[in-house]
Amino acid sequence: MRKSDSINSGSRTIAYEIVYSKRRKKAAIVVRPDLRVEFRAPQGLSREAIRGMVSRKADWVQEKLEWFAANRPPSLEKQYLDGESFLYLGREYPLKIILEGNEKPGAAICGPELIVRLPKTSPAELRPALAKKAAWQWYRQKAELEVKGHLTAYSEKLGITPPAFKVKHQKRRWGSCSADNVLRINFQLMMAPPGQLEYVVVHELCHIKEKNHSPRFWKLVGELMQGYEVHRKELKKEGWKYVL
């Protein structure tokens, strides 16, 4: 559950989003590179208590916001035009749009390029939107295959039946595990080196056994995927690049 709120600290207003979680035991403030502030709260923590905690951390929050504002990367919003660079499994591929025939739009990696084929009759003003739809569908299909493979292998190691899963476009998270053990994985992870998607799948799979981030949870992740820490660290560092 999410709620929006803000506090006044001196001449500043700090807006933030409260994210409640039944799994969380301790509160935490997160300042994101896109200048969003999240307060991650255990279920039941009052809004007044949260405001007090944000007020006490106001100087730190403002310092982080100012740093991210000064060091913010250029906009990565895709335009879906010829020559634009797209990541796939950690490698860059320039987009090439080809107009031919009257078949449905489709996308694929062909040699050094990400090729999107559109019907020859596609109006020029609609081509970026059609290319985007085709590319998203291709990334989604690739993600479904990868996630299914990892879930099959790691579920066997964990001694459980592979859970149901969905691959989705998500702005705020790489993966999640619902209360009824349905996994949701962000298909933009197909832009990352393979180990990062594998780590997210293992992470969410382990939540079927451990519904929190306790030491037992991280021990389980490490037992299933040795060296996961490297992929976790790299995802935190490079994840801002994975934008479709």
Protein backbone atom coordinates (compact mmCIF):
# COMPACT_ATOMS: atom_id res chain seq x y z
CA MET A 1 0.00 0.00 0.00
CA ARG A 2 1.30 3.47 -0.92
CA LYS A 3 0.37 6.91 0.41
CA SER A 4 1.70 10.34 -0.47
CA ASP A 5 2.68 12.87 2.20
CA SER A 6 5.07 15.79 2.79
CA ILE A 7 6.70 17.79 5.58
CA ASN A 8 7.96 21.36 5.88
CA SER A 9 11.51 21.66 7.15
CA GLY A 10 12.56 25.30 7.44
CA SER A 11 11.96 26.84 4.02
CA ARG A 12 11.91 23.42 2.32
CA THR A 13 9.09 21.04 1.54
CA ILE A 14 10.03 17.38 1.29
CA ALA A 15 7.44 15.26 -0.53
CA TYR A 16 7.63 11.53 -0.10
CA GLU A 17 5.67 8.36 -0.67
CA ILE A 18 4.94 5.99 2.21
CA VAL A 19 5.28 2.34 1.19
CA TYR A 20 3.78 -0.02 3.78
CA SER A 21 4.85 -3.66 3.90
CA LYS A 22 3.75 -6.50 6.16
CA ARG A 23 7.21 -8.05 5.71
CA ARG A 24 9.15 -5.02 6.91
CA LYS A 25 10.20 -4.82 10.55
CA LYS A 26 12.25 -1.59 10.46
CA ALA A 27 11.51 1.73 8.78
CA ALA A 28 13.85 3.14 6.14
CA ILE A 29 14.08 6.29 4.00
CA VAL A 30 15.22 5.87 0.41
CA VAL A 31 16.16 8.74 -1.92
CA ARG A 32 16.13 7.62 -5.55
CA PRO A 33 18.21 8.96 -8.46
CA ASP A 34 14.99 10.16 -10.14
CA LEU A 35 14.51 12.47 -7.10
CA ARG A 36 11.67 10.46 -5.58
CA VAL A 37 11.72 9.93 -1.83
CA GLU A 38 10.24 6.76 -0.34
CA PHE A 39 9.56 6.00 3.30
CA ARG A 40 9.41 2.22 3.67
CA ALA A 41 7.32 1.48 6.73
CA PRO A 42 6.20 -1.57 8.69
CA GLN A 43 2.45 -2.09 8.62
CA GLY A 44 0.73 0.01 11.26
CA LEU A 45 3.34 2.75 11.69
CA SER A 46 1.40 6.00 12.11
CA ARG A 47 1.69 8.94 9.75
CA GLU A 48 2.68 11.18 12.68
CA ALA A 49 5.56 8.88 13.61
CA ILE A 50 6.68 8.81 9.99
CA ARG A 51 6.61 12.61 9.73
CA GLY A 52 8.77 12.82 12.84
CA MET A 53 11.33 10.42 11.39
CA VAL A 54 11.43 12.28 8.07
CA SER A 55 11.87 15.60 9.92
CA ARG A 56 14.85 14.23 11.82
CA LYS A 57 16.43 13.04 8.57
CA ALA A 58 15.48 16.15 6.56
CA ASP A 59 19.05 17.45 6.19
CA TRP A 60 20.26 14.07 4.95
CA VAL A 61 17.34 13.74 2.52
CA GLN A 62 17.97 17.22 1.13
CA GLU A 63 21.68 16.51 0.74
CA LYS A 64 20.92 13.34 -1.25
CA LEU A 65 18.35 15.14 -3.41
CA GLU A 66 20.83 17.89 -4.22
CA TRP A 67 23.55 15.38 -5.09
CA PHE A 68 21.28 13.40 -7.41
CA ALA A 69 20.01 16.61 -9.03
CA ALA A 70 23.59 17.72 -9.75
CA ASN A 71 24.66 14.31 -11.02
CA ARG A 72 21.49 13.18 -12.73
CA PRO A 73 22.11 11.20 -15.93
CA PRO A 74 20.54 12.41 -19.18
CA SER A 75 17.00 11.31 -19.93
CA LEU A 76 16.90 7.71 -21.10
CA GLU A 77 13.36 7.80 -22.44
CA LYS A 78 13.41 5.96 -25.73
CA GLN A 79 12.26 7.64 -28.93
CA TYR A 80 12.25 4.47 -31.06
CA LEU A 81 14.12 6.03 -33.95
CA ASP A 82 16.75 4.55 -36.27
CA GLY A 83 20.20 4.39 -34.68
CA GLU A 84 18.99 4.66 -31.07
CA SER A 85 20.90 2.33 -28.75
CA PHE A 86 19.18 -0.53 -26.91
CA LEU A 87 20.65 -2.89 -24.33
CA TYR A 88 20.11 -6.63 -24.52
CA LEU A 89 21.85 -9.00 -22.10
CA GLY A 90 24.26 -6.20 -21.24
CA ARG A 91 25.30 -5.41 -24.84
CA GLU A 92 24.30 -2.39 -26.91
CA TYR A 93 22.48 -2.72 -30.23
CA PRO A 94 21.43 0.15 -32.51
CA LEU A 95 17.80 0.10 -33.59
CA LYS A 96 17.06 -0.35 -37.27
CA ILE A 97 13.48 0.00 -38.51
CA ILE A 98 12.70 -1.82 -41.74
CA LEU A 99 9.51 -1.25 -43.73
CA GLU A 100 8.41 -4.24 -45.75
CA GLY A 101 5.31 -6.19 -46.71
CA ASN A 102 2.09 -6.07 -44.74
CA GLU A 103 2.88 -8.44 -41.89
CA LYS A 104 2.42 -7.59 -38.23
CA PRO A 105 5.24 -5.60 -36.56
CA GLY A 106 8.01 -7.75 -35.09
CA ALA A 107 11.44 -7.38 -33.50
CA ALA A 108 14.61 -9.46 -33.21
CA ILE A 109 18.36 -9.17 -32.75
CA CYS A 110 19.97 -9.71 -36.15
CA GLY A 111 23.76 -9.59 -36.04
CA PRO A 112 24.84 -6.28 -34.52
CA GLU A 113 21.39 -4.61 -34.66
CA LEU A 114 17.97 -4.68 -33.04
CA ILE A 115 15.72 -4.97 -36.08
CA VAL A 116 12.09 -3.89 -35.97
CA ARG A 117 10.03 -4.72 -39.03
CA LEU A 118 6.92 -2.69 -39.72
CA PRO A 119 4.34 -2.88 -42.52
CA LYS A 120 5.35 -0.79 -45.49
CA THR A 121 2.10 1.14 -45.21
CA SER A 122 2.79 2.29 -41.61
CA PRO A 123 2.25 6.09 -41.38
CA ALA A 124 5.47 7.90 -40.45
CA GLU A 125 3.92 9.49 -37.36
CA LEU A 126 2.90 6.06 -35.99
CA ARG A 127 6.18 4.23 -36.59
CA PRO A 128 7.79 5.02 -33.20
CA ALA A 129 4.71 3.76 -31.34
CA LEU A 130 4.52 0.63 -33.50
CA ALA A 131 8.26 0.02 -33.05
CA LYS A 132 7.90 0.41 -29.28
CA LYS A 133 5.05 -2.10 -29.14
CA ALA A 134 7.03 -4.62 -31.19
CA ALA A 135 10.18 -4.18 -29.10
CA TRP A 136 8.32 -4.52 -25.80
CA GLN A 137 6.63 -7.68 -27.01
CA TRP A 138 9.99 -9.14 -28.03
CA TYR A 139 11.65 -8.29 -24.70
CA ARG A 140 8.62 -9.75 -22.87
CA GLN A 141 8.80 -13.02 -24.81
CA LYS A 142 12.54 -13.34 -24.17
CA ALA A 143 12.00 -12.64 -20.47
CA GLU A 144 9.28 -15.31 -20.20
CA LEU A 145 11.66 -17.94 -21.56
CA GLU A 146 14.54 -16.90 -19.30
CA VAL A 147 12.43 -16.64 -16.16
CA LYS A 148 10.77 -20.00 -16.80
CA GLY A 149 14.18 -21.65 -17.22
CA HIS A 150 15.56 -20.18 -14.00
CA LEU A 151 12.42 -21.02 -12.03
CA THR A 152 12.50 -24.62 -13.20
CA ALA A 153 16.14 -25.05 -12.20
CA TYR A 154 16.05 -23.22 -8.88
CA SER A 155 12.67 -24.56 -7.77
CA GLU A 156 14.12 -28.04 -8.05
CA LYS A 157 17.05 -26.99 -5.85
CA LEU A 158 14.62 -25.46 -3.37
CA GLY A 159 12.45 -28.58 -3.39
CA ILE A 160 9.25 -26.86 -4.51
CA THR A 161 6.99 -26.82 -7.56
CA PRO A 162 7.84 -23.94 -9.91
CA PRO A 163 5.48 -21.09 -8.96
CA ALA A 164 3.24 -19.12 -11.29
CA PHE A 165 4.88 -16.00 -12.65
CA LYS A 166 4.25 -12.96 -14.81
CA VAL A 167 6.70 -10.74 -16.66
CA LYS A 168 5.64 -7.10 -16.59
CA HIS A 169 6.85 -3.59 -17.22
CA GLN A 170 7.28 -2.04 -13.77
CA LYS A 171 8.61 1.42 -13.00
CA ARG A 172 9.42 0.94 -9.34
CA ARG A 173 10.68 -2.60 -8.84
CA TRP A 174 12.56 -5.42 -10.51
CA GLY A 175 10.50 -8.19 -9.01
CA SER A 176 7.99 -9.15 -6.36
CA CYS A 177 6.41 -12.19 -4.72
CA SER A 178 2.76 -11.89 -3.76
CA ALA A 179 1.16 -13.34 -0.64
CA ASP A 180 -0.14 -16.23 -2.76
CA ASN A 181 3.35 -16.84 -4.19
CA VAL A 182 2.88 -15.44 -7.69
CA LEU A 183 6.17 -13.96 -8.90
CA ARG A 184 6.31 -10.80 -10.99
CA ILE A 185 9.53 -10.03 -12.87
CA ASN A 186 10.30 -6.81 -14.74
CA PHE A 187 11.07 -7.70 -18.36
CA GLN A 188 13.40 -4.70 -18.64
CA LEU A 189 15.92 -6.96 -16.87
CA MET A 190 16.55 -8.49 -20.30
CA MET A 191 18.62 -5.36 -20.89
CA ALA A 192 20.98 -6.36 -18.06
CA PRO A 193 23.82 -8.90 -18.06
CA PRO A 194 22.24 -12.36 -17.52
CA GLY A 195 23.34 -12.76 -13.89
CA GLN A 196 21.21 -9.83 -12.77
CA LEU A 197 17.94 -11.31 -14.04
CA GLU A 198 18.93 -14.67 -12.55
CA TYR A 199 19.57 -13.01 -9.17
CA VAL A 200 16.16 -11.28 -9.17
CA VAL A 201 14.42 -14.58 -9.96
CA VAL A 202 16.28 -16.34 -7.14
CA HIS A 203 15.55 -13.45 -4.77
CA GLU A 204 11.81 -13.55 -5.38
CA LEU A 205 11.71 -17.35 -5.38
CA CYS A 206 13.27 -17.39 -1.91
CA HIS A 207 10.41 -15.21 -0.67
CA ILE A 208 8.18 -18.27 -1.05
CA LYS A 209 10.10 -19.75 1.88
CA GLU A 210 10.97 -16.53 3.73
CA LYS A 211 8.55 -13.59 3.46
CA ASN A 212 11.06 -11.00 4.66
CA HIS A 213 14.71 -9.97 4.33
CA SER A 214 15.92 -11.65 7.49
CA PRO A 215 19.36 -13.29 7.83
CA ARG A 216 17.65 -16.62 7.07
CA PHE A 217 16.37 -15.19 3.78
CA TRP A 218 19.81 -14.01 2.64
CA LYS A 219 21.36 -17.30 3.73
CA LEU A 220 18.86 -19.11 1.53
CA VAL A 221 19.63 -16.83 -1.44
CA GLY A 222 23.35 -17.53 -0.97
CA GLU A 223 22.79 -21.27 -0.80
CA LEU A 224 20.90 -21.23 -4.09
CA MET A 225 23.12 -18.74 -5.94
CA GLN A 226 26.70 -18.40 -4.85
CA GLY A 227 28.13 -14.96 -5.54
CA TYR A 228 24.71 -13.32 -5.81
CA GLU A 229 26.14 -10.28 -4.01
CA VAL A 230 28.03 -9.23 -7.14
CA HIS A 231 24.89 -9.24 -9.29
CA ARG A 232 22.87 -7.47 -6.59
CA LYS A 233 25.48 -4.73 -6.30
CA GLU A 234 25.74 -4.29 -10.07
CA LEU A 235 21.95 -4.10 -10.45
CA LYS A 236 21.81 -1.32 -7.87
CA LYS A 237 24.63 0.49 -9.65
CA GLU A 238 23.57 0.02 -13.28
CA GLY A 239 19.80 -0.45 -13.05
CA TRP A 240 19.04 3.17 -14.01
CA LYS A 241 20.18 2.27 -17.56
CA TYR A 242 17.55 -0.42 -18.09
CA VAL A 243 14.77 1.73 -19.52
CA LEU A 244 12.45 0.83 -22.37
